[in-house]
Amino acid sequence: MLLSLDRISVLPGQTLVLKDVDWDEFEALLEELGEHRGSRIAYCHKQLEVMAPLAEHEIAKALSADLIKVLLEELDIEFYPLGSTTFKNKFLGLGLEPDNCFYIENEAKVRGLKRWDAAIDPPPDLALEVDLTSRTYLDIYAQLGVPEVWRFKHRQLEIHCLEQGKYQEQQFSRIFPSFPLKEIIPAYLKRIDDEGRNKTIKAFRAWVRSQIDAKN
């Protein structure tokens, strides 16, 4: 390869686009980028995008994941978080790294997983994207078969559920159908700004428990 990524600087909030990248080049670039990095990649139709997230992006990504973990813990649902694991499928010519992802229904199938393989492993049940730079690739998620994608845009939550190969935006999550999360999660993320993380997480946990008690 004539161009080496170590000669290119991608500043936070910017995206590098490389065209006409074949699969072997894509694999080589992933190897060059390494696993311990802050950038995110998306690969489709021989186009590779490398995005360097802003601090605001990383904060929202971590805090939204914290809220989801509270929901799963309080509902006593086993889950397996895979963070920004690289999901790639050579047959489809696709590659993607979510901001966060969770195995929930398929948790037992990937428990202890060290390296994801499209040939034998299911896609994550839930993927999260914090979209500050118009980076959410729903078409790639659909081809990978991810059942549900949450997209945070302008501090609002969009819930996209896969139906017959295409995403439909829904009011309620299929994973948490009894919770008005489109309103609640953005409100608690804003509350973290005002009151701090720990205090807000405790308040959210108490709210989840109250919802569960009200339904029992």
N, C-alpha and C. Protein backbone atom coordinates (compact mmCIF):
# COMPACT_ATOMS: atom_id res chain seq x y z
N MET A 1 0.86 -1.18 0.00
CA MET A 1 0.00 0.00 0.00
C MET A 1 0.90 1.23 0.00
N LEU A 2 0.57 2.18 -0.89
CA LEU A 2 1.40 3.38 -1.01
C LEU A 2 1.19 4.35 0.14
N LEU A 3 -0.04 4.39 0.65
CA LEU A 3 -0.35 5.35 1.70
C LEU A 3 -0.38 4.65 3.04
N SER A 4 0.37 5.19 4.00
CA SER A 4 0.40 4.63 5.34
C SER A 4 -0.35 5.55 6.29
N LEU A 5 -1.21 4.97 7.12
CA LEU A 5 -2.02 5.78 8.01
C LEU A 5 -1.20 6.51 9.06
N ASP A 6 0.01 6.03 9.33
CA ASP A 6 0.82 6.73 10.33
C ASP A 6 1.33 8.06 9.81
N ARG A 7 1.09 8.34 8.53
CA ARG A 7 1.46 9.64 7.96
C ARG A 7 0.28 10.60 7.95
N ILE A 8 -0.87 10.14 8.45
CA ILE A 8 -2.09 10.95 8.41
C ILE A 8 -2.56 11.23 9.82
N SER A 9 -2.95 12.46 10.08
CA SER A 9 -3.48 12.84 11.39
C SER A 9 -4.97 13.16 11.23
N VAL A 10 -5.81 12.41 11.96
CA VAL A 10 -7.25 12.67 11.95
C VAL A 10 -7.60 13.35 13.26
N LEU A 11 -7.96 14.62 13.19
CA LEU A 11 -8.23 15.39 14.38
C LEU A 11 -9.59 15.03 14.97
N PRO A 12 -9.77 15.17 16.30
CA PRO A 12 -11.07 14.87 16.92
C PRO A 12 -12.21 15.60 16.22
N GLY A 13 -13.27 14.85 15.93
CA GLY A 13 -14.43 15.40 15.24
C GLY A 13 -14.33 15.34 13.73
N GLN A 14 -13.17 14.87 13.20
CA GLN A 14 -13.00 14.78 11.76
C GLN A 14 -13.08 13.33 11.29
N THR A 15 -13.35 13.18 9.99
CA THR A 15 -13.46 11.86 9.38
C THR A 15 -12.55 11.78 8.16
N LEU A 16 -11.76 10.73 8.10
CA LEU A 16 -10.92 10.44 6.94
C LEU A 16 -11.65 9.43 6.06
N VAL A 17 -11.77 9.72 4.76
CA VAL A 17 -12.45 8.83 3.82
C VAL A 17 -11.44 8.33 2.80
N LEU A 18 -11.33 7.01 2.69
CA LEU A 18 -10.46 6.38 1.69
C LEU A 18 -11.34 5.57 0.74
N LYS A 19 -11.21 5.79 -0.55
CA LYS A 19 -12.03 5.11 -1.55
C LYS A 19 -11.24 4.02 -2.26
N ASP A 20 -11.99 3.11 -2.88
CA ASP A 20 -11.41 2.00 -3.64
C ASP A 20 -10.45 1.18 -2.78
N VAL A 21 -10.89 0.89 -1.56
CA VAL A 21 -10.11 0.05 -0.64
C VAL A 21 -10.65 -1.37 -0.73
N ASP A 22 -9.84 -2.31 -1.23
CA ASP A 22 -10.33 -3.69 -1.32
C ASP A 22 -10.22 -4.36 0.06
N TRP A 23 -10.74 -5.59 0.14
CA TRP A 23 -10.83 -6.25 1.44
C TRP A 23 -9.45 -6.46 2.07
N ASP A 24 -8.49 -6.91 1.28
CA ASP A 24 -7.16 -7.13 1.83
C ASP A 24 -6.54 -5.83 2.35
N GLU A 25 -6.77 -4.73 1.64
CA GLU A 25 -6.28 -3.44 2.10
C GLU A 25 -6.99 -3.01 3.37
N PHE A 26 -8.29 -3.28 3.43
CA PHE A 26 -9.06 -2.98 4.63
C PHE A 26 -8.51 -3.73 5.83
N GLU A 27 -8.25 -5.02 5.67
CA GLU A 27 -7.69 -5.83 6.75
C GLU A 27 -6.31 -5.29 7.16
N ALA A 28 -5.51 -4.90 6.19
CA ALA A 28 -4.17 -4.38 6.49
C ALA A 28 -4.25 -3.05 7.24
N LEU A 29 -5.21 -2.21 6.85
CA LEU A 29 -5.39 -0.93 7.53
C LEU A 29 -5.88 -1.12 8.96
N LEU A 30 -6.76 -2.09 9.16
CA LEU A 30 -7.21 -2.41 10.52
C LEU A 30 -6.03 -2.85 11.38
N GLU A 31 -5.17 -3.68 10.79
CA GLU A 31 -4.00 -4.14 11.52
C GLU A 31 -3.08 -2.97 11.87
N GLU A 32 -2.96 -2.05 10.92
CA GLU A 32 -2.10 -0.89 11.16
C GLU A 32 -2.69 0.03 12.23
N LEU A 33 -4.01 0.19 12.20
CA LEU A 33 -4.66 1.03 13.19
C LEU A 33 -4.53 0.44 14.59
N GLY A 34 -4.58 -0.89 14.67
CA GLY A 34 -4.46 -1.57 15.96
C GLY A 34 -5.77 -1.59 16.73
N GLU A 35 -5.81 -2.39 17.78
CA GLU A 35 -7.02 -2.54 18.57
C GLU A 35 -7.16 -1.46 19.64
N HIS A 36 -6.06 -0.95 20.13
CA HIS A 36 -6.10 0.03 21.23
C HIS A 36 -5.99 1.44 20.65
N ARG A 37 -7.12 1.95 20.21
CA ARG A 37 -7.17 3.27 19.58
C ARG A 37 -8.51 3.91 19.88
N GLY A 38 -8.57 5.20 19.66
CA GLY A 38 -9.81 5.92 19.92
C GLY A 38 -10.67 6.11 18.70
N SER A 39 -10.13 5.86 17.50
CA SER A 39 -10.90 6.09 16.28
C SER A 39 -11.91 4.97 16.04
N ARG A 40 -12.89 5.26 15.19
CA ARG A 40 -13.91 4.28 14.80
C ARG A 40 -13.88 4.14 13.29
N ILE A 41 -14.20 2.94 12.80
CA ILE A 41 -14.17 2.71 11.35
C ILE A 41 -15.54 2.25 10.85
N ALA A 42 -15.76 2.50 9.56
CA ALA A 42 -16.91 1.94 8.84
C ALA A 42 -16.43 1.63 7.43
N TYR A 43 -16.83 0.45 6.93
CA TYR A 43 -16.35 0.02 5.61
C TYR A 43 -17.52 -0.55 4.83
N CYS A 44 -17.74 -0.02 3.63
CA CYS A 44 -18.84 -0.50 2.78
C CYS A 44 -18.60 -0.02 1.36
N HIS A 45 -18.89 -0.90 0.38
CA HIS A 45 -18.70 -0.56 -1.04
C HIS A 45 -17.29 -0.04 -1.31
N LYS A 46 -16.31 -0.69 -0.68
CA LYS A 46 -14.89 -0.36 -0.86
C LYS A 46 -14.53 1.04 -0.39
N GLN A 47 -15.36 1.61 0.45
CA GLN A 47 -15.04 2.91 1.04
C GLN A 47 -14.83 2.75 2.53
N LEU A 48 -13.70 3.23 3.00
CA LEU A 48 -13.36 3.15 4.41
C LEU A 48 -13.40 4.54 5.03
N GLU A 49 -14.11 4.66 6.14
CA GLU A 49 -14.15 5.91 6.88
C GLU A 49 -13.54 5.67 8.26
N VAL A 50 -12.65 6.57 8.64
CA VAL A 50 -12.02 6.53 9.95
C VAL A 50 -12.39 7.83 10.67
N MET A 51 -13.09 7.72 11.79
CA MET A 51 -13.57 8.88 12.51
C MET A 51 -12.90 8.98 13.86
N ALA A 52 -12.42 10.18 14.19
CA ALA A 52 -11.83 10.44 15.50
C ALA A 52 -12.86 11.18 16.34
N PRO A 53 -13.40 10.55 17.40
CA PRO A 53 -14.50 11.16 18.15
C PRO A 53 -14.05 12.31 19.04
N LEU A 54 -14.99 13.20 19.27
CA LEU A 54 -14.79 14.30 20.22
C LEU A 54 -14.96 13.79 21.64
N ALA A 55 -14.45 14.56 22.60
CA ALA A 55 -14.65 14.21 24.01
C ALA A 55 -16.13 14.13 24.35
N GLU A 56 -16.94 15.03 23.80
CA GLU A 56 -18.39 15.01 24.04
C GLU A 56 -19.00 13.69 23.61
N HIS A 57 -18.51 13.18 22.50
CA HIS A 57 -18.97 11.90 21.96
C HIS A 57 -18.66 10.76 22.93
N GLU A 58 -17.43 10.72 23.42
CA GLU A 58 -17.00 9.64 24.30
C GLU A 58 -17.73 9.68 25.65
N ILE A 59 -17.99 10.89 26.14
CA ILE A 59 -18.72 11.02 27.41
C ILE A 59 -20.15 10.50 27.25
N ALA A 60 -20.84 10.93 26.19
CA ALA A 60 -22.22 10.48 25.96
C ALA A 60 -22.28 8.98 25.74
N LYS A 61 -21.30 8.44 25.05
CA LYS A 61 -21.24 7.00 24.80
C LYS A 61 -21.13 6.21 26.10
N ALA A 62 -20.24 6.64 26.99
CA ALA A 62 -20.03 5.93 28.25
C ALA A 62 -21.24 6.05 29.18
N LEU A 63 -21.80 7.24 29.28
CA LEU A 63 -22.91 7.46 30.22
C LEU A 63 -24.19 6.79 29.76
N SER A 64 -24.46 6.80 28.45
CA SER A 64 -25.65 6.10 27.96
C SER A 64 -25.53 4.60 28.19
N ALA A 65 -24.34 4.06 28.02
CA ALA A 65 -24.12 2.64 28.30
C ALA A 65 -24.34 2.33 29.78
N ASP A 66 -23.93 3.26 30.66
CA ASP A 66 -24.15 3.06 32.10
C ASP A 66 -25.64 2.93 32.41
N LEU A 67 -26.47 3.74 31.76
CA LEU A 67 -27.91 3.69 32.00
C LEU A 67 -28.50 2.36 31.50
N ILE A 68 -28.03 1.90 30.37
CA ILE A 68 -28.52 0.62 29.85
C ILE A 68 -28.14 -0.52 30.79
N LYS A 69 -26.93 -0.48 31.32
CA LYS A 69 -26.50 -1.52 32.25
C LYS A 69 -27.38 -1.54 33.50
N VAL A 70 -27.77 -0.35 33.99
CA VAL A 70 -28.68 -0.28 35.14
C VAL A 70 -30.00 -0.95 34.81
N LEU A 71 -30.55 -0.67 33.64
CA LEU A 71 -31.81 -1.31 33.23
C LEU A 71 -31.69 -2.82 33.23
N LEU A 72 -30.64 -3.33 32.62
CA LEU A 72 -30.45 -4.77 32.51
C LEU A 72 -30.22 -5.41 33.88
N GLU A 73 -29.48 -4.73 34.73
CA GLU A 73 -29.21 -5.26 36.07
C GLU A 73 -30.49 -5.33 36.91
N GLU A 74 -31.27 -4.25 36.87
CA GLU A 74 -32.48 -4.21 37.68
C GLU A 74 -33.55 -5.16 37.17
N LEU A 75 -33.56 -5.41 35.88
CA LEU A 75 -34.49 -6.39 35.30
C LEU A 75 -33.95 -7.81 35.41
N ASP A 76 -32.75 -7.95 35.96
CA ASP A 76 -32.10 -9.26 36.14
C ASP A 76 -31.96 -9.99 34.80
N ILE A 77 -31.52 -9.25 33.80
CA ILE A 77 -31.29 -9.81 32.47
C ILE A 77 -29.79 -9.92 32.25
N GLU A 78 -29.31 -11.12 31.99
CA GLU A 78 -27.90 -11.30 31.69
C GLU A 78 -27.54 -10.59 30.38
N PHE A 79 -26.37 -9.98 30.35
CA PHE A 79 -25.93 -9.31 29.14
C PHE A 79 -24.42 -9.42 29.04
N TYR A 80 -23.93 -9.21 27.83
CA TYR A 80 -22.49 -9.27 27.57
C TYR A 80 -22.12 -8.07 26.72
N PRO A 81 -21.41 -7.09 27.30
CA PRO A 81 -21.05 -5.89 26.54
C PRO A 81 -19.79 -6.11 25.71
N LEU A 82 -19.85 -5.71 24.46
CA LEU A 82 -18.68 -5.84 23.59
C LEU A 82 -18.14 -4.49 23.13
N GLY A 83 -18.64 -3.40 23.72
CA GLY A 83 -18.08 -2.08 23.44
C GLY A 83 -18.03 -1.76 21.96
N SER A 84 -16.84 -1.36 21.50
CA SER A 84 -16.66 -0.96 20.09
C SER A 84 -15.96 -2.05 19.30
N THR A 85 -16.33 -3.30 19.55
CA THR A 85 -15.77 -4.43 18.82
C THR A 85 -15.92 -4.22 17.31
N THR A 86 -14.92 -4.64 16.54
CA THR A 86 -15.01 -4.57 15.08
C THR A 86 -15.83 -5.74 14.56
N PHE A 87 -16.95 -5.42 13.92
CA PHE A 87 -17.79 -6.44 13.28
C PHE A 87 -17.56 -6.34 11.78
N LYS A 88 -17.02 -7.41 11.21
CA LYS A 88 -16.73 -7.39 9.77
C LYS A 88 -17.17 -8.69 9.12
N ASN A 89 -17.61 -8.57 7.89
CA ASN A 89 -18.11 -9.71 7.15
C ASN A 89 -17.50 -9.66 5.75
N LYS A 90 -16.56 -10.56 5.49
CA LYS A 90 -15.85 -10.55 4.20
C LYS A 90 -16.81 -10.85 3.05
N PHE A 91 -17.75 -11.78 3.26
CA PHE A 91 -18.68 -12.16 2.20
C PHE A 91 -19.51 -10.95 1.75
N LEU A 92 -19.95 -10.13 2.73
CA LEU A 92 -20.75 -8.94 2.41
C LEU A 92 -19.88 -7.72 2.09
N GLY A 93 -18.59 -7.80 2.42
CA GLY A 93 -17.71 -6.67 2.20
C GLY A 93 -18.03 -5.49 3.09
N LEU A 94 -18.31 -5.79 4.37
CA LEU A 94 -18.73 -4.77 5.32
C LEU A 94 -17.90 -4.82 6.59
N GLY A 95 -17.74 -3.67 7.21
CA GLY A 95 -17.09 -3.61 8.51
C GLY A 95 -17.61 -2.42 9.28
N LEU A 96 -17.75 -2.57 10.60
CA LEU A 96 -18.33 -1.50 11.40
C LEU A 96 -17.90 -1.64 12.85
N GLU A 97 -17.73 -0.51 13.52
CA GLU A 97 -17.46 -0.48 14.95
C GLU A 97 -18.49 0.42 15.62
N PRO A 98 -19.42 -0.15 16.38
CA PRO A 98 -20.40 0.69 17.08
C PRO A 98 -19.73 1.47 18.20
N ASP A 99 -20.42 2.48 18.70
CA ASP A 99 -19.90 3.17 19.87
C ASP A 99 -19.99 2.27 21.10
N ASN A 100 -21.04 1.48 21.16
CA ASN A 100 -21.22 0.47 22.20
C ASN A 100 -22.18 -0.58 21.69
N CYS A 101 -22.08 -1.78 22.20
CA CYS A 101 -23.04 -2.80 21.81
C CYS A 101 -23.19 -3.82 22.93
N PHE A 102 -24.35 -4.50 22.92
CA PHE A 102 -24.68 -5.45 23.97
C PHE A 102 -25.28 -6.72 23.36
N TYR A 103 -24.85 -7.85 23.89
CA TYR A 103 -25.55 -9.11 23.64
C TYR A 103 -26.50 -9.33 24.81
N ILE A 104 -27.75 -9.57 24.51
CA ILE A 104 -28.77 -9.74 25.54
C ILE A 104 -29.48 -11.07 25.32
N GLU A 105 -30.29 -11.16 24.29
CA GLU A 105 -30.96 -12.43 23.97
C GLU A 105 -29.94 -13.51 23.62
N ASN A 106 -28.88 -13.11 22.94
CA ASN A 106 -27.85 -14.07 22.52
C ASN A 106 -26.64 -14.08 23.45
N GLU A 107 -26.81 -13.58 24.66
CA GLU A 107 -25.69 -13.48 25.60
C GLU A 107 -24.98 -14.82 25.81
N ALA A 108 -25.74 -15.88 26.00
CA ALA A 108 -25.13 -17.18 26.29
C ALA A 108 -24.28 -17.70 25.12
N LYS A 109 -24.62 -17.26 23.90
CA LYS A 109 -23.90 -17.73 22.72
C LYS A 109 -22.51 -17.10 22.58
N VAL A 110 -22.31 -15.96 23.24
CA VAL A 110 -21.02 -15.27 23.08
C VAL A 110 -20.29 -15.10 24.41
N ARG A 111 -20.83 -15.67 25.46
CA ARG A 111 -20.20 -15.53 26.77
C ARG A 111 -18.76 -16.05 26.71
N GLY A 112 -17.83 -15.21 27.11
CA GLY A 112 -16.41 -15.58 27.05
C GLY A 112 -15.77 -15.37 25.70
N LEU A 113 -16.51 -14.74 24.76
CA LEU A 113 -15.99 -14.52 23.41
C LEU A 113 -14.72 -13.66 23.44
N LYS A 114 -13.72 -14.08 22.68
CA LYS A 114 -12.47 -13.33 22.58
C LYS A 114 -12.32 -12.62 21.23
N ARG A 115 -12.84 -13.21 20.18
CA ARG A 115 -12.75 -12.61 18.84
C ARG A 115 -14.01 -12.97 18.05
N TRP A 116 -14.71 -11.96 17.54
CA TRP A 116 -15.97 -12.18 16.84
C TRP A 116 -15.73 -12.70 15.43
N ASP A 117 -16.53 -13.68 15.03
CA ASP A 117 -16.41 -14.31 13.71
C ASP A 117 -17.79 -14.31 13.07
N ALA A 118 -17.94 -13.60 11.94
CA ALA A 118 -19.24 -13.49 11.27
C ALA A 118 -19.79 -14.84 10.84
N ALA A 119 -18.90 -15.83 10.64
CA ALA A 119 -19.35 -17.14 10.16
C ALA A 119 -20.07 -17.94 11.23
N ILE A 120 -19.77 -17.66 12.50
CA ILE A 120 -20.34 -18.50 13.57
C ILE A 120 -21.04 -17.71 14.67
N ASP A 121 -20.75 -16.43 14.79
CA ASP A 121 -21.30 -15.64 15.90
C ASP A 121 -22.45 -14.76 15.44
N PRO A 122 -23.50 -14.64 16.25
CA PRO A 122 -24.60 -13.74 15.90
C PRO A 122 -24.18 -12.28 16.06
N PRO A 123 -24.93 -11.37 15.44
CA PRO A 123 -24.63 -9.95 15.66
C PRO A 123 -25.10 -9.54 17.05
N PRO A 124 -24.65 -8.40 17.57
CA PRO A 124 -25.14 -7.95 18.87
C PRO A 124 -26.64 -7.66 18.81
N ASP A 125 -27.30 -7.78 19.95
CA ASP A 125 -28.75 -7.53 20.01
C ASP A 125 -29.07 -6.04 20.03
N LEU A 126 -28.14 -5.25 20.53
CA LEU A 126 -28.36 -3.81 20.64
C LEU A 126 -27.06 -3.07 20.37
N ALA A 127 -27.11 -2.08 19.48
CA ALA A 127 -25.96 -1.23 19.21
C ALA A 127 -26.31 0.21 19.53
N LEU A 128 -25.33 0.95 20.04
CA LEU A 128 -25.52 2.35 20.37
C LEU A 128 -24.62 3.20 19.50
N GLU A 129 -25.16 4.31 19.01
CA GLU A 129 -24.39 5.27 18.24
C GLU A 129 -24.66 6.68 18.77
N VAL A 130 -23.61 7.40 19.08
CA VAL A 130 -23.71 8.81 19.43
C VAL A 130 -23.35 9.58 18.18
N ASP A 131 -24.33 10.20 17.56
CA ASP A 131 -24.16 10.77 16.23
C ASP A 131 -23.93 12.27 16.30
N LEU A 132 -22.67 12.65 16.50
CA LEU A 132 -22.31 14.07 16.49
C LEU A 132 -21.77 14.49 15.13
N THR A 133 -21.41 13.50 14.31
CA THR A 133 -20.80 13.80 13.01
C THR A 133 -21.49 13.05 11.88
N SER A 134 -22.79 12.74 12.04
CA SER A 134 -23.58 12.04 11.02
C SER A 134 -22.92 10.74 10.59
N ARG A 135 -22.61 9.92 11.58
CA ARG A 135 -21.82 8.73 11.31
C ARG A 135 -22.60 7.41 11.37
N THR A 136 -23.86 7.43 11.80
CA THR A 136 -24.60 6.18 11.98
C THR A 136 -24.92 5.56 10.63
N TYR A 137 -24.48 4.32 10.42
CA TYR A 137 -24.66 3.63 9.14
C TYR A 137 -25.71 2.53 9.30
N LEU A 138 -26.98 2.94 9.25
CA LEU A 138 -28.04 1.97 9.47
C LEU A 138 -28.06 0.90 8.40
N ASP A 139 -27.64 1.23 7.17
CA ASP A 139 -27.64 0.23 6.11
C ASP A 139 -26.63 -0.88 6.40
N ILE A 140 -25.48 -0.53 6.99
CA ILE A 140 -24.50 -1.56 7.35
C ILE A 140 -25.03 -2.40 8.50
N TYR A 141 -25.60 -1.75 9.52
CA TYR A 141 -26.18 -2.49 10.63
C TYR A 141 -27.25 -3.46 10.15
N ALA A 142 -28.07 -3.02 9.19
CA ALA A 142 -29.14 -3.88 8.67
C ALA A 142 -28.57 -5.11 7.98
N GLN A 143 -27.52 -4.92 7.17
CA GLN A 143 -26.92 -6.05 6.48
C GLN A 143 -26.23 -7.01 7.44
N LEU A 144 -25.71 -6.47 8.55
CA LEU A 144 -25.11 -7.33 9.57
C LEU A 144 -26.18 -8.02 10.43
N GLY A 145 -27.42 -7.53 10.35
CA GLY A 145 -28.53 -8.18 11.05
C GLY A 145 -28.68 -7.79 12.51
N VAL A 146 -28.24 -6.57 12.88
CA VAL A 146 -28.39 -6.11 14.27
C VAL A 146 -29.86 -5.75 14.51
N PRO A 147 -30.54 -6.42 15.46
CA PRO A 147 -31.98 -6.22 15.62
C PRO A 147 -32.40 -4.82 16.03
N GLU A 148 -31.57 -4.13 16.83
CA GLU A 148 -31.99 -2.83 17.35
C GLU A 148 -30.78 -1.89 17.46
N VAL A 149 -30.96 -0.66 16.97
CA VAL A 149 -29.92 0.36 17.04
C VAL A 149 -30.50 1.60 17.71
N TRP A 150 -29.80 2.08 18.74
CA TRP A 150 -30.17 3.34 19.38
C TRP A 150 -29.23 4.42 18.88
N ARG A 151 -29.82 5.49 18.41
CA ARG A 151 -29.03 6.60 17.87
C ARG A 151 -29.30 7.85 18.69
N PHE A 152 -28.25 8.39 19.28
CA PHE A 152 -28.35 9.63 20.04
C PHE A 152 -27.92 10.78 19.13
N LYS A 153 -28.86 11.67 18.86
CA LYS A 153 -28.59 12.79 17.96
C LYS A 153 -29.16 14.06 18.57
N HIS A 154 -28.31 15.06 18.71
CA HIS A 154 -28.72 16.32 19.34
C HIS A 154 -29.37 16.06 20.70
N ARG A 155 -28.79 15.10 21.43
CA ARG A 155 -29.24 14.75 22.78
C ARG A 155 -30.64 14.13 22.81
N GLN A 156 -31.12 13.71 21.66
CA GLN A 156 -32.39 12.99 21.58
C GLN A 156 -32.11 11.54 21.21
N LEU A 157 -32.99 10.64 21.64
CA LEU A 157 -32.80 9.22 21.37
C LEU A 157 -33.75 8.75 20.29
N GLU A 158 -33.19 8.12 19.28
CA GLU A 158 -33.98 7.44 18.25
C GLU A 158 -33.81 5.93 18.44
N ILE A 159 -34.90 5.19 18.39
CA ILE A 159 -34.87 3.74 18.53
C ILE A 159 -35.25 3.14 17.18
N HIS A 160 -34.31 2.42 16.58
CA HIS A 160 -34.52 1.81 15.26
C HIS A 160 -34.56 0.29 15.41
N CYS A 161 -35.66 -0.31 14.97
CA CYS A 161 -35.83 -1.76 15.05
C CYS A 161 -35.85 -2.36 13.66
N LEU A 162 -35.16 -3.48 13.49
CA LEU A 162 -35.03 -4.12 12.19
C LEU A 162 -36.31 -4.90 11.87
N GLU A 163 -36.91 -4.57 10.73
CA GLU A 163 -38.12 -5.25 10.27
C GLU A 163 -37.97 -5.58 8.79
N GLN A 164 -37.92 -6.87 8.49
CA GLN A 164 -37.79 -7.33 7.11
C GLN A 164 -36.61 -6.67 6.39
N GLY A 165 -35.50 -6.61 7.10
CA GLY A 165 -34.27 -6.12 6.49
C GLY A 165 -34.08 -4.62 6.49
N LYS A 166 -35.07 -3.88 7.04
CA LYS A 166 -34.96 -2.42 7.09
C LYS A 166 -35.32 -1.93 8.48
N TYR A 167 -34.72 -0.80 8.86
CA TYR A 167 -35.01 -0.24 10.17
C TYR A 167 -36.23 0.66 10.14
N GLN A 168 -37.06 0.49 11.17
CA GLN A 168 -38.21 1.36 11.38
C GLN A 168 -38.03 2.04 12.73
N GLU A 169 -38.17 3.37 12.74
CA GLU A 169 -38.06 4.07 14.00
C GLU A 169 -39.29 3.81 14.86
N GLN A 170 -39.07 3.47 16.12
CA GLN A 170 -40.16 3.09 17.02
C GLN A 170 -40.16 3.97 18.25
N GLN A 171 -41.30 4.03 18.92
CA GLN A 171 -41.42 4.77 20.16
C GLN A 171 -40.83 4.01 21.34
N PHE A 172 -40.91 2.68 21.26
CA PHE A 172 -40.45 1.84 22.37
C PHE A 172 -39.44 0.81 21.88
N SER A 173 -38.50 0.50 22.75
CA SER A 173 -37.54 -0.55 22.48
C SER A 173 -38.20 -1.91 22.59
N ARG A 174 -37.82 -2.83 21.73
CA ARG A 174 -38.32 -4.20 21.85
C ARG A 174 -37.70 -4.91 23.05
N ILE A 175 -36.51 -4.46 23.43
CA ILE A 175 -35.83 -5.08 24.56
C ILE A 175 -36.43 -4.62 25.88
N PHE A 176 -36.82 -3.35 25.92
CA PHE A 176 -37.42 -2.76 27.13
C PHE A 176 -38.78 -2.15 26.78
N PRO A 177 -39.76 -2.98 26.40
CA PRO A 177 -41.01 -2.44 25.85
C PRO A 177 -41.86 -1.65 26.83
N SER A 178 -41.64 -1.82 28.12
CA SER A 178 -42.49 -1.16 29.11
C SER A 178 -41.94 0.17 29.60
N PHE A 179 -40.82 0.62 29.05
CA PHE A 179 -40.17 1.82 29.56
C PHE A 179 -40.17 2.93 28.49
N PRO A 180 -40.58 4.13 28.85
CA PRO A 180 -40.58 5.27 27.90
C PRO A 180 -39.18 5.86 27.76
N LEU A 181 -38.29 5.09 27.17
CA LEU A 181 -36.87 5.44 27.17
C LEU A 181 -36.53 6.63 26.28
N LYS A 182 -37.31 6.88 25.25
CA LYS A 182 -37.00 8.02 24.38
C LYS A 182 -37.06 9.33 25.14
N GLU A 183 -37.89 9.40 26.17
CA GLU A 183 -37.99 10.60 26.98
C GLU A 183 -37.07 10.51 28.20
N ILE A 184 -37.02 9.34 28.81
CA ILE A 184 -36.33 9.19 30.10
C ILE A 184 -34.81 9.25 29.97
N ILE A 185 -34.23 8.53 29.02
CA ILE A 185 -32.77 8.47 28.94
C ILE A 185 -32.16 9.83 28.62
N PRO A 186 -32.67 10.58 27.63
CA PRO A 186 -32.11 11.93 27.43
C PRO A 186 -32.25 12.82 28.66
N ALA A 187 -33.37 12.67 29.39
CA ALA A 187 -33.56 13.48 30.60
C ALA A 187 -32.52 13.17 31.66
N TYR A 188 -32.20 11.88 31.83
CA TYR A 188 -31.20 11.51 32.83
C TYR A 188 -29.78 11.86 32.37
N LEU A 189 -29.52 11.82 31.07
CA LEU A 189 -28.22 12.26 30.58
C LEU A 189 -28.03 13.75 30.84
N LYS A 190 -29.09 14.53 30.66
CA LYS A 190 -29.02 15.96 30.97
C LYS A 190 -28.84 16.17 32.48
N ARG A 191 -29.49 15.32 33.26
CA ARG A 191 -29.40 15.43 34.72
C ARG A 191 -27.97 15.20 35.21
N ILE A 192 -27.23 14.34 34.52
CA ILE A 192 -25.83 14.11 34.88
C ILE A 192 -25.03 15.41 34.78
N ASP A 193 -25.33 16.21 33.75
CA ASP A 193 -24.64 17.50 33.60
C ASP A 193 -24.89 18.40 34.81
N ASP A 194 -26.09 18.31 35.36
CA ASP A 194 -26.49 19.22 36.43
C ASP A 194 -26.12 18.70 37.83
N GLU A 195 -26.24 17.36 38.02
CA GLU A 195 -26.12 16.81 39.37
C GLU A 195 -24.94 15.86 39.55
N GLY A 196 -24.29 15.47 38.48
CA GLY A 196 -23.18 14.53 38.58
C GLY A 196 -23.61 13.11 38.25
N ARG A 197 -22.60 12.29 37.88
CA ARG A 197 -22.89 10.93 37.42
C ARG A 197 -23.46 10.04 38.51
N ASN A 198 -22.78 9.92 39.66
CA ASN A 198 -23.18 8.95 40.68
C ASN A 198 -24.58 9.23 41.22
N LYS A 199 -24.85 10.48 41.51
CA LYS A 199 -26.16 10.84 42.04
C LYS A 199 -27.25 10.53 41.03
N THR A 200 -26.98 10.81 39.77
CA THR A 200 -27.98 10.57 38.73
C THR A 200 -28.19 9.08 38.48
N ILE A 201 -27.11 8.32 38.47
CA ILE A 201 -27.24 6.87 38.26
C ILE A 201 -28.06 6.25 39.39
N LYS A 202 -27.84 6.69 40.62
CA LYS A 202 -28.63 6.18 41.75
C LYS A 202 -30.10 6.54 41.59
N ALA A 203 -30.36 7.77 41.13
CA ALA A 203 -31.75 8.20 40.92
C ALA A 203 -32.40 7.39 39.79
N PHE A 204 -31.64 7.12 38.74
CA PHE A 204 -32.18 6.33 37.63
C PHE A 204 -32.47 4.90 38.08
N ARG A 205 -31.58 4.34 38.86
CA ARG A 205 -31.80 2.98 39.37
C ARG A 205 -33.08 2.93 40.22
N ALA A 206 -33.28 3.96 41.04
CA ALA A 206 -34.49 4.02 41.86
C ALA A 206 -35.73 4.14 40.98
N TRP A 207 -35.64 4.93 39.92
CA TRP A 207 -36.77 5.06 39.00
C TRP A 207 -37.10 3.73 38.33
N VAL A 208 -36.08 3.01 37.88
CA VAL A 208 -36.32 1.71 37.24
C VAL A 208 -37.00 0.76 38.23
N ARG A 209 -36.52 0.74 39.45
CA ARG A 209 -37.12 -0.15 40.46
C ARG A 209 -38.58 0.22 40.70
N SER A 210 -38.89 1.52 40.71
CA SER A 210 -40.27 1.96 40.94
C SER A 210 -41.16 1.50 39.78
N GLN A 211 -40.62 1.52 38.56
CA GLN A 211 -41.39 1.06 37.41
C GLN A 211 -41.64 -0.44 37.49
N ILE A 212 -40.65 -1.17 37.92
CA ILE A 212 -40.81 -2.62 38.05
C ILE A 212 -41.83 -2.94 39.15
N ASP A 213 -41.74 -2.25 40.28
CA ASP A 213 -42.67 -2.49 41.38
C ASP A 213 -44.10 -2.16 40.97
N ALA A 214 -44.27 -1.12 40.16
CA ALA A 214 -45.61 -0.70 39.75
C ALA A 214 -46.26 -1.74 38.84
N LYS A 215 -45.44 -2.53 38.18
CA LYS A 215 -45.98 -3.53 37.24
C LYS A 215 -46.19 -4.88 37.92
N ASN A 216 -45.69 -5.04 39.14
CA ASN A 216 -45.83 -6.32 39.86
C ASN A 216 -47.05 -6.29 40.79
